C-alpha atoms as a PDB file:
ATOM      1  CA  UNK A   1      -4.159   4.460   6.773  1.00  0.00           C
ATOM      2  CA  UNK A   2      -4.065   1.621   9.284  1.00  0.00           C
ATOM      3  CA  UNK A   3      -3.334   0.603  12.791  1.00  0.00           C
ATOM      4  CA  UNK A   4      -2.746  -2.495  14.771  1.00  0.00           C
ATOM      5  CA  UNK A   5      -5.375  -3.350  17.290  1.00  0.00           C
ATOM      6  CA  UNK A   6      -6.498  -6.312  19.391  1.00  0.00           C
ATOM      7  CA  UNK A   7      -8.891  -7.555  16.549  1.00  0.00           C
ATOM      8  CA  UNK A   8      -6.052  -7.919  13.913  1.00  0.00           C
ATOM      9  CA  UNK A   9      -5.399  -5.741  11.010  1.00  0.00           C
ATOM     10  CA  UNK A  10      -7.451  -2.670  10.776  1.00  0.00           C
ATOM     11  CA  UNK A  11      -7.787   0.186   8.193  1.00  0.00           C
ATOM     12  CA  UNK A  12      -8.802   3.873   8.270  1.00  0.00           C
ATOM     13  CA  UNK A  13     -10.469   5.108   5.115  1.00  0.00           C
ATOM     14  CA  UNK A  14     -12.627   8.037   4.170  1.00  0.00           C
ATOM     15  CA  UNK A  15     -15.499   5.733   3.785  1.00  0.00           C
ATOM     16  CA  UNK A  16     -14.738   3.351   6.621  1.00  0.00           C
ATOM     17  CA  UNK A  17     -12.454   2.972   9.697  1.00  0.00           C
ATOM     18  CA  UNK A  18     -12.213  -0.331  11.515  1.00  0.00           C
ATOM     19  CA  UNK A  19     -11.215  -4.020  11.295  1.00  0.00           C
ATOM     20  CA  UNK A  20     -10.446  -5.195   7.601  1.00  0.00           C
ATOM     21  CA  UNK A  21     -12.554  -8.339   8.156  1.00  0.00           C
ATOM     22  CA  UNK A  22     -15.575  -6.207   8.686  1.00  0.00           C
ATOM     23  CA  UNK A  23     -14.916  -4.024   5.794  1.00  0.00           C
ATOM     24  CA  UNK A  24     -14.725  -7.062   3.547  1.00  0.00           C
ATOM     25  CA  UNK A  25     -17.957  -8.209   4.743  1.00  0.00           C
ATOM     26  CA  UNK A  26     -19.597  -4.882   4.119  1.00  0.00           C
ATOM     27  CA  UNK A  27     -18.209  -4.909   0.547  1.00  0.00           C
ATOM     28  CA  UNK A  28     -19.530  -8.367  -0.216  1.00  0.00           C
ATOM     29  CA  UNK A  29     -22.950  -7.286   1.194  1.00  0.00           C
ATOM     30  CA  UNK A  30     -22.889  -4.198  -1.051  1.00  0.00           C
ATOM     31  CA  UNK A  31     -22.913  -1.878   1.917  1.00  0.00           C
ATOM     32  CA  UNK A  32     -19.537  -0.160   0.954  1.00  0.00           C
ATOM     33  CA  UNK A  33     -18.651   0.565  -2.582  1.00  0.00           C
ATOM     34  CA  UNK A  34     -15.622  -1.384  -3.662  1.00  0.00           C
ATOM     35  CA  UNK A  35     -14.442   1.525  -5.895  1.00  0.00           C
ATOM     36  CA  UNK A  36     -14.067   3.602  -2.825  1.00  0.00           C
ATOM     37  CA  UNK A  37     -11.552   1.177  -1.383  1.00  0.00           C
ATOM     38  CA  UNK A  38      -7.779   1.559  -2.300  1.00  0.00           C
ATOM     39  CA  UNK A  39      -6.761  -1.999  -2.396  1.00  0.00           C
ATOM     40  CA  UNK A  40      -3.184  -1.385  -3.341  1.00  0.00           C
ATOM     41  CA  UNK A  41      -2.607   0.929  -0.419  1.00  0.00           C
ATOM     42  CA  UNK A  42      -4.214  -1.561   1.912  1.00  0.00           C
ATOM     43  CA  UNK A  43      -1.979  -4.230   0.587  1.00  0.00           C
ATOM     44  CA  UNK A  44       1.048  -2.146   1.205  1.00  0.00           C
ATOM     45  CA  UNK A  45      -0.042  -1.305   4.799  1.00  0.00           C
ATOM     46  CA  UNK A  46      -0.770  -5.033   5.437  1.00  0.00           C
ATOM     47  CA  UNK A  47       2.709  -6.026   4.371  1.00  0.00           C
ATOM     48  CA  UNK A  48       4.148  -3.453   6.680  1.00  0.00           C
ATOM     49  CA  UNK A  49       1.870  -4.872   9.472  1.00  0.00           C
ATOM     50  CA  UNK A  50       2.853  -8.433   8.669  1.00  0.00           C
ATOM     51  CA  UNK A  51       6.598  -7.719   8.833  1.00  0.00           C
ATOM     52  CA  UNK A  52       6.266  -7.204  12.586  1.00  0.00           C
ATOM     53  CA  UNK A  53       6.762 -10.364  14.259  1.00  0.00           C
ATOM     54  CA  UNK A  54       3.752 -10.108  16.553  1.00  0.00           C
ATOM     55  CA  UNK A  55       1.479  -9.166  13.525  1.00  0.00           C
ATOM     56  CA  UNK A  56       2.289 -12.315  11.435  1.00  0.00           C
ATOM     57  CA  UNK A  57      -0.425 -15.063  11.145  1.00  0.00           C
ATOM     58  CA  UNK A  58      -0.421 -17.664   8.468  1.00  0.00           C
ATOM     59  CA  UNK A  59      -4.285 -17.938   8.673  1.00  0.00           C
ATOM     60  CA  UNK A  60      -4.765 -14.187   8.503  1.00  0.00           C
ATOM     61  CA  UNK A  61      -2.337 -13.813   5.655  1.00  0.00           C
ATOM     62  CA  UNK A  62      -4.200 -16.606   3.713  1.00  0.00           C
ATOM     63  CA  UNK A  63      -7.566 -14.988   4.338  1.00  0.00           C
ATOM     64  CA  UNK A  64      -6.307 -11.603   3.424  1.00  0.00           C
ATOM     65  CA  UNK A  65      -4.976 -12.804  -0.034  1.00  0.00           C
ATOM     66  CA  UNK A  66      -8.162 -14.612  -0.853  1.00  0.00           C
ATOM     67  CA  UNK A  67     -10.401 -11.490   0.187  1.00  0.00           C
ATOM     68  CA  UNK A  68      -8.117  -9.204  -1.817  1.00  0.00           C
ATOM     69  CA  UNK A  69      -8.464 -11.434  -4.908  1.00  0.00           C
ATOM     70  CA  UNK A  70     -12.223 -11.302  -4.523  1.00  0.00           C
ATOM     71  CA  UNK A  71     -12.238  -7.393  -4.146  1.00  0.00           C
ATOM     72  CA  UNK A  72      -9.872  -6.945  -7.212  1.00  0.00           C
ATOM     73  CA  UNK A  73     -12.357  -9.165  -9.389  1.00  0.00           C
ATOM     74  CA  UNK A  74     -15.200  -6.926  -8.101  1.00  0.00           C
ATOM     75  CA  UNK A  75     -13.550  -3.739  -8.689  1.00  0.00           C
ATOM     76  CA  UNK A  76     -12.384  -4.725 -12.197  1.00  0.00           C
ATOM     77  CA  UNK A  77     -15.956  -5.733 -13.134  1.00  0.00           C
ATOM     78  CA  UNK A  78     -17.164  -2.360 -11.861  1.00  0.00           C
ATOM     79  CA  UNK A  79     -14.673  -0.376 -13.664  1.00  0.00           C
ATOM     80  CA  UNK A  80     -14.790  -2.305 -16.945  1.00  0.00           C
ATOM     81  CA  UNK A  81     -17.234  -0.713 -19.518  1.00  0.00           C
ATOM     82  CA  UNK A  82     -20.078  -3.044 -20.184  1.00  0.00           C
ATOM     83  CA  UNK A  83     -21.527  -3.529 -23.652  1.00  0.00           C
ATOM     84  CA  UNK A  84     -25.211  -2.585 -23.645  1.00  0.00           C
ATOM     85  CA  UNK A  85     -27.726  -3.574 -26.258  1.00  0.00           C
ATOM     86  CA  UNK A  86     -30.061  -0.965 -27.467  1.00  0.00           C
ATOM     87  CA  UNK A  87     -33.704  -2.009 -27.018  1.00  0.00           C
ATOM     88  CA  UNK A  88     -36.764  -0.805 -29.068  1.00  0.00           C
ATOM     89  CA  UNK A  89     -37.357   2.330 -27.075  1.00  0.00           C
ATOM     90  CA  UNK A  90     -33.784   3.444 -27.670  1.00  0.00           C
ATOM     91  CA  UNK A  91     -33.999   2.700 -31.337  1.00  0.00           C
ATOM     92  CA  UNK A  92     -37.321   4.425 -31.668  1.00  0.00           C
ATOM     93  CA  UNK A  93     -36.321   7.643 -29.814  1.00  0.00           C
ATOM     94  CA  UNK A  94     -33.117   7.899 -32.131  1.00  0.00           C
ATOM     95  CA  UNK A  95     -35.132   7.669 -35.433  1.00  0.00           C
ATOM     96  CA  UNK A  96     -38.435   9.356 -36.071  1.00  0.00           C
ATOM     97  CA  UNK A  97     -38.895   7.494 -39.326  1.00  0.00           C
ATOM     98  CA  UNK A  98     -38.483   4.162 -37.596  1.00  0.00           C
ATOM     99  CA  UNK A  99     -41.064   5.143 -34.963  1.00  0.00           C
ATOM    100  CA  UNK A 100     -43.496   6.031 -37.706  1.00  0.00           C
ATOM    101  CA  UNK A 101     -43.069   2.727 -39.430  1.00  0.00           C
ATOM    102  CA  UNK A 102     -43.463   0.907 -36.307  1.00  0.00           C
ATOM    103  CA  UNK A 103     -46.711   2.714 -35.527  1.00  0.00           C
ATOM    104  CA  UNK A 104     -48.053   1.681 -38.983  1.00  0.00           C
ATOM    105  CA  UNK A 105     -47.156  -1.918 -38.218  1.00  0.00           C
ATOM    106  CA  UNK A 106     -48.923  -1.814 -34.890  1.00  0.00           C
ATOM    107  CA  UNK A 107     -52.135  -0.241 -36.536  1.00  0.00           C
ATOM    108  CA  UNK A 108     -52.090  -3.077 -39.138  1.00  0.00           C
ATOM    109  CA  UNK A 109     -51.867  -5.712 -36.392  1.00  0.00           C
ATOM    110  CA  UNK A 110     -54.728  -4.241 -34.436  1.00  0.00           C
ATOM    111  CA  UNK A 111     -56.942  -4.167 -37.548  1.00  0.00           C
ATOM    112  CA  UNK A 112     -56.089  -7.920 -38.121  1.00  0.00           C
ATOM    113  CA  UNK A 113     -56.715  -8.840 -34.551  1.00  0.00           C
ATOM    114  CA  UNK A 114     -60.103  -7.036 -34.579  1.00  0.00           C
ATOM    115  CA  UNK A 115     -61.055  -8.699 -37.844  1.00  0.00           C
ATOM    116  CA  UNK A 116     -60.133 -12.276 -36.462  1.00  0.00           C
ATOM    117  CA  UNK A 117     -62.212 -11.556 -33.368  1.00  0.00           C
ATOM    118  CA  UNK A 118     -65.166 -10.492 -35.476  1.00  0.00           C
ATOM    119  CA  UNK A 119     -65.033 -13.618 -37.610  1.00  0.00           C
ATOM    120  CA  UNK A 120     -64.642 -15.916 -34.520  1.00  0.00           C
ATOM    121  CA  UNK A 121     -67.714 -14.320 -33.061  1.00  0.00           C
ATOM    122  CA  UNK A 122     -69.697 -14.749 -36.141  1.00  0.00           C
ATOM    123  CA  UNK A 123     -68.741 -18.331 -36.795  1.00  0.00           C
ATOM    124  CA  UNK A 124     -69.296 -19.294 -33.173  1.00  0.00           C
ATOM    125  CA  UNK A 125     -72.894 -20.498 -33.876  1.00  0.00           C
ATOM    126  CA  UNK A 126     -71.882 -22.886 -36.671  1.00  0.00           C
ATOM    127  CA  UNK A 127     -70.981 -26.500 -35.706  1.00  0.00           C
ATOM    128  CA  UNK A 128     -69.518 -29.158 -38.083  1.00  0.00           C
ATOM    129  CA  UNK A 129     -71.565 -32.282 -38.739  1.00  0.00           C
ATOM    130  CA  UNK A 130     -69.913 -35.301 -37.273  1.00  0.00           C
ATOM    131  CA  UNK A 131     -72.220 -37.971 -38.866  1.00  0.00           C
ATOM    132  CA  UNK A 132     -72.700 -39.268 -42.497  1.00  0.00           C
ATOM    133  CA  UNK A 133     -75.594 -39.755 -44.718  1.00  0.00           C
ATOM    134  CA  UNK A 134     -78.499 -41.801 -43.174  1.00  0.00           C
ATOM    135  CA  UNK A 135     -79.122 -45.530 -43.966  1.00  0.00           C
ATOM    136  CA  UNK A 136     -81.774 -44.400 -46.576  1.00  0.00           C
ATOM    137  CA  UNK A 137     -78.889 -43.175 -48.736  1.00  0.00           C
ATOM    138  CA  UNK A 138     -76.700 -46.207 -48.489  1.00  0.00           C
ATOM    139  CA  UNK A 139     -77.669 -47.291 -52.035  1.00  0.00           C
ATOM    140  CA  UNK A 140     -75.962 -44.236 -53.338  1.00  0.00           C
ATOM    141  CA  UNK A 141     -72.446 -45.291 -52.140  1.00  0.00           C
ATOM    142  CA  UNK A 142     -70.202 -46.367 -54.907  1.00  0.00           C
ATOM    143  CA  UNK A 143     -69.128 -50.044 -54.693  1.00  0.00           C
ATOM    144  CA  UNK A 144     -65.330 -49.910 -54.484  1.00  0.00           C
ATOM    145  CA  UNK A 145     -65.183 -53.553 -55.777  1.00  0.00           C
ATOM    146  CA  UNK A 146     -67.369 -53.052 -58.749  1.00  0.00           C
ATOM    147  CA  UNK A 147     -64.489 -52.743 -61.222  1.00  0.00           C
ATOM    148  CA  UNK A 148     -62.138 -55.237 -59.743  1.00  0.00           C
ATOM    149  CA  UNK A 149     -61.674 -58.589 -61.505  1.00  0.00           C
ATOM    150  CA  UNK A 150     -60.210 -61.850 -60.486  1.00  0.00           C
ATOM    151  CA  UNK A 151     -57.408 -61.382 -62.928  1.00  0.00           C
ATOM    152  CA  UNK A 152     -56.522 -58.164 -61.377  1.00  0.00           C
ATOM    153  CA  UNK A 153     -56.336 -59.673 -58.017  1.00  0.00           C
ATOM    154  CA  UNK A 154     -54.153 -62.659 -59.416  1.00  0.00           C
ATOM    155  CA  UNK A 155     -51.695 -60.188 -61.101  1.00  0.00           C
ATOM    156  CA  UNK A 156     -51.360 -58.169 -57.838  1.00  0.00           C
ATOM    157  CA  UNK A 157     -50.788 -61.383 -55.807  1.00  0.00           C
ATOM    158  CA  UNK A 158     -48.261 -62.643 -58.306  1.00  0.00           C
ATOM    159  CA  UNK A 159     -46.345 -59.383 -58.139  1.00  0.00           C
ATOM    160  CA  UNK A 160     -46.214 -59.439 -54.433  1.00  0.00           C
ATOM    161  CA  UNK A 161     -45.401 -63.101 -53.888  1.00  0.00           C
ATOM    162  CA  UNK A 162     -42.782 -63.198 -56.693  1.00  0.00           C
ATOM    163  CA  UNK A 163     -39.339 -64.134 -55.153  1.00  0.00           C
ATOM    164  CA  UNK A 164     -36.768 -61.477 -55.186  1.00  0.00           C
ATOM    165  CA  UNK A 165     -34.018 -61.746 -57.902  1.00  0.00           C
ATOM    166  CA  UNK A 166     -30.855 -63.471 -57.124  1.00  0.00           C
ATOM    167  CA  UNK A 167     -27.946 -61.246 -56.490  1.00  0.00           C
ATOM    168  CA  UNK A 168     -25.043 -62.052 -58.858  1.00  0.00           C
ATOM    169  CA  UNK A 169     -21.810 -62.459 -56.788  1.00  0.00           C
ATOM    170  CA  UNK A 170     -19.808 -64.139 -59.501  1.00  0.00           C
ATOM    171  CA  UNK A 171     -17.432 -61.070 -59.556  1.00  0.00           C
ATOM    172  CA  UNK A 172     -16.741 -61.468 -55.904  1.00  0.00           C
ATOM    173  CA  UNK A 173     -13.815 -63.730 -55.073  1.00  0.00           C
ATOM    174  CA  UNK A 174     -15.062 -66.265 -52.380  1.00  0.00           C
ATOM    175  CA  UNK A 175     -12.812 -66.712 -49.467  1.00  0.00           C
ATOM    176  CA  UNK A 176     -12.879 -70.516 -48.616  1.00  0.00           C
ATOM    177  CA  UNK A 177      -9.886 -70.333 -45.883  1.00  0.00           C
ATOM    178  CA  UNK A 178      -9.738 -68.337 -42.813  1.00  0.00           C
ATOM    179  CA  UNK A 179      -6.625 -66.795 -41.166  1.00  0.00           C
ATOM    180  CA  UNK A 180      -6.785 -69.523 -38.513  1.00  0.00           C
ATOM    181  CA  UNK A 181      -6.581 -72.209 -41.183  1.00  0.00           C
ATOM    182  CA  UNK A 182      -3.638 -70.536 -42.779  1.00  0.00           C
ATOM    183  CA  UNK A 183      -1.827 -70.244 -39.521  1.00  0.00           C
ATOM    184  CA  UNK A 184      -2.103 -73.970 -39.060  1.00  0.00           C
ATOM    185  CA  UNK A 185      -0.962 -74.344 -42.683  1.00  0.00           C
ATOM    186  CA  UNK A 186       2.105 -72.293 -42.199  1.00  0.00           C
ATOM    187  CA  UNK A 187       3.167 -73.917 -38.971  1.00  0.00           C
ATOM    188  CA  UNK A 188       2.823 -77.329 -40.478  1.00  0.00           C
ATOM    189  CA  UNK A 189       4.702 -76.402 -43.729  1.00  0.00           C
ATOM    190  CA  UNK A 190       7.616 -74.567 -42.110  1.00  0.00           C
ATOM    191  CA  UNK A 191       8.178 -77.335 -39.626  1.00  0.00           C
ATOM    192  CA  UNK A 192       8.317 -79.811 -42.526  1.00  0.00           C
ATOM    193  CA  UNK A 193      11.325 -77.818 -44.021  1.00  0.00           C
ATOM    194  CA  UNK A 194      14.714 -78.721 -42.732  1.00  0.00           C
ATOM    195  CA  UNK A 195      16.200 -75.982 -40.491  1.00  0.00           C
ATOM    196  CA  UNK A 196      12.642 -74.604 -39.975  1.00  0.00           C
ATOM    197  CA  UNK A 197      13.577 -71.633 -42.289  1.00  0.00           C
ATOM    198  CA  UNK A 198      12.032 -70.847 -45.451  1.00  0.00           C
ATOM    199  CA  UNK A 199      11.045 -68.102 -47.958  1.00  0.00           C
ATOM    200  CA  UNK A 200       7.527 -66.693 -48.267  1.00  0.00           C
ATOM    201  CA  UNK A 201       7.443 -68.054 -51.790  1.00  0.00           C
ATOM    202  CA  UNK A 202       8.016 -71.574 -50.474  1.00  0.00           C
ATOM    203  CA  UNK A 203       5.402 -71.296 -47.894  1.00  0.00           C
ATOM    204  CA  UNK A 204       2.719 -70.268 -50.460  1.00  0.00           C
ATOM    205  CA  UNK A 205       3.932 -72.642 -53.201  1.00  0.00           C
ATOM    206  CA  UNK A 206       0.720 -74.812 -52.601  1.00  0.00           C
ATOM    207  CA  UNK A 207      -1.719 -72.029 -52.857  1.00  0.00           C
ATOM    208  CA  UNK A 208      -3.986 -72.192 -55.893  1.00  0.00           C
ATOM    209  CA  UNK A 209      -5.748 -68.786 -55.776  1.00  0.00           C
ATOM    210  CA  UNK A 210      -4.404 -65.174 -55.086  1.00  0.00           C
ATOM    211  CA  UNK A 211      -6.645 -64.791 -52.303  1.00  0.00           C
ATOM    212  CA  UNK A 212      -5.101 -67.772 -50.452  1.00  0.00           C
ATOM    213  CA  UNK A 213      -1.692 -66.094 -50.926  1.00  0.00           C
ATOM    214  CA  UNK A 214      -3.197 -63.055 -49.196  1.00  0.00           C
ATOM    215  CA  UNK A 215      -4.606 -64.986 -46.281  1.00  0.00           C
ATOM    216  CA  UNK A 216      -1.296 -66.870 -45.922  1.00  0.00           C
ATOM    217  CA  UNK A 217       0.452 -63.510 -45.525  1.00  0.00           C
ATOM    218  CA  UNK A 218      -2.009 -62.242 -43.003  1.00  0.00           C
ATOM    219  CA  UNK A 219      -1.440 -65.422 -41.087  1.00  0.00           C
ATOM    220  CA  UNK A 220       2.322 -64.886 -41.220  1.00  0.00           C
ATOM    221  CA  UNK A 221       1.850 -61.426 -39.845  1.00  0.00           C
ATOM    222  CA  UNK A 222      -0.216 -62.784 -36.960  1.00  0.00           C
ATOM    223  CA  UNK A 223       2.615 -65.372 -36.182  1.00  0.00           C
ATOM    224  CA  UNK A 224       5.121 -62.484 -36.205  1.00  0.00           C
ATOM    225  CA  UNK A 225       2.965 -60.484 -33.791  1.00  0.00           C
ATOM    226  CA  UNK A 226       2.858 -63.417 -31.393  1.00  0.00           C
ATOM    227  CA  UNK A 227       6.716 -63.732 -31.650  1.00  0.00           C
ATOM    228  CA  UNK A 228       6.539 -67.240 -33.130  1.00  0.00           C
ATOM    229  CA  UNK A 229       8.344 -66.376 -36.341  1.00  0.00           C
ATOM    230  CA  UNK A 230      11.188 -63.983 -37.424  1.00  0.00           C
ATOM    231  CA  UNK A 231      10.845 -61.940 -40.705  1.00  0.00           C
ATOM    232  CA  UNK A 232      13.748 -60.506 -42.669  1.00  0.00           C
ATOM    233  CA  UNK A 233      13.571 -58.715 -45.945  1.00  0.00           C
ATOM    234  CA  UNK A 234      16.943 -57.583 -47.261  1.00  0.00           C
ATOM    235  CA  UNK A 235      15.647 -55.102 -49.869  1.00  0.00           C
ATOM    236  CA  UNK A 236      12.360 -53.460 -50.791  1.00  0.00           C
ATOM    237  CA  UNK A 237       9.978 -55.951 -52.692  1.00  0.00           C
ATOM    238  CA  UNK A 238      12.789 -58.563 -52.017  1.00  0.00           C
ATOM    239  CA  UNK A 239      12.328 -62.026 -50.700  1.00  0.00           C
ATOM    240  CA  UNK A 240      10.875 -62.433 -47.330  1.00  0.00           C
ATOM    241  CA  UNK A 241      12.772 -64.988 -45.155  1.00  0.00           C
ATOM    242  CA  UNK A 242      10.869 -66.679 -42.509  1.00  0.00           C
ATOM    243  CA  UNK A 243      12.495 -68.485 -39.434  1.00  0.00           C
ATOM    244  CA  UNK A 244      10.442 -70.491 -36.958  1.00  0.00           C
ATOM    245  CA  UNK A 245      10.865 -69.616 -33.196  1.00  0.00           C
ATOM    246  CA  UNK A 246       8.199 -71.552 -31.861  1.00  0.00           C
END
């Protein structure tokens, strides 16, 4: 199966005898059929070849593994059955009725193509007129402004120039305070309280609208994120204790 020669690992196969490197080149060039190469047997012989101290080479072993991987991929691709799609010729050969129906369709297409060619040839002498009536027929044109009155133009202008209706926003609660303003109000209010500790209810006692309470709560969350206050809530929906950290 194999022998050791001066050129490195060599193989002896029914289809080839010589260096394995040359065999790999011939397979990649499709000059030797990969299905005729027993890769498993070659691998066993190479392992026996590599166990000898003078036959071991890291570069040769690395190259051998890479080439065997490529050959295995090629061999699997050759041995795996491929799914083939039937073309029109295969379908027609297997069904006489389908072949007859296809011939009728082709005959109809030929008739239509011949009719189109005939009509194109017959109409090739006709040319479209690209000009309008002469100036002697200008008095026959209808006047587009004959039925238009000044009142009609005034009505159209009034419709176009009428200002759009004012959008009613009375149901939308206006926000007259920003989060930044609320942050300043919380800082000022909590610093006025002895001990710099208060409840959230005390911090919003001066808020007039519900939206101001919401903005004040958002400001409190901003301060907590920045590490400037501590928040403690002993129970769900309970009072929120706020302690100033600075």
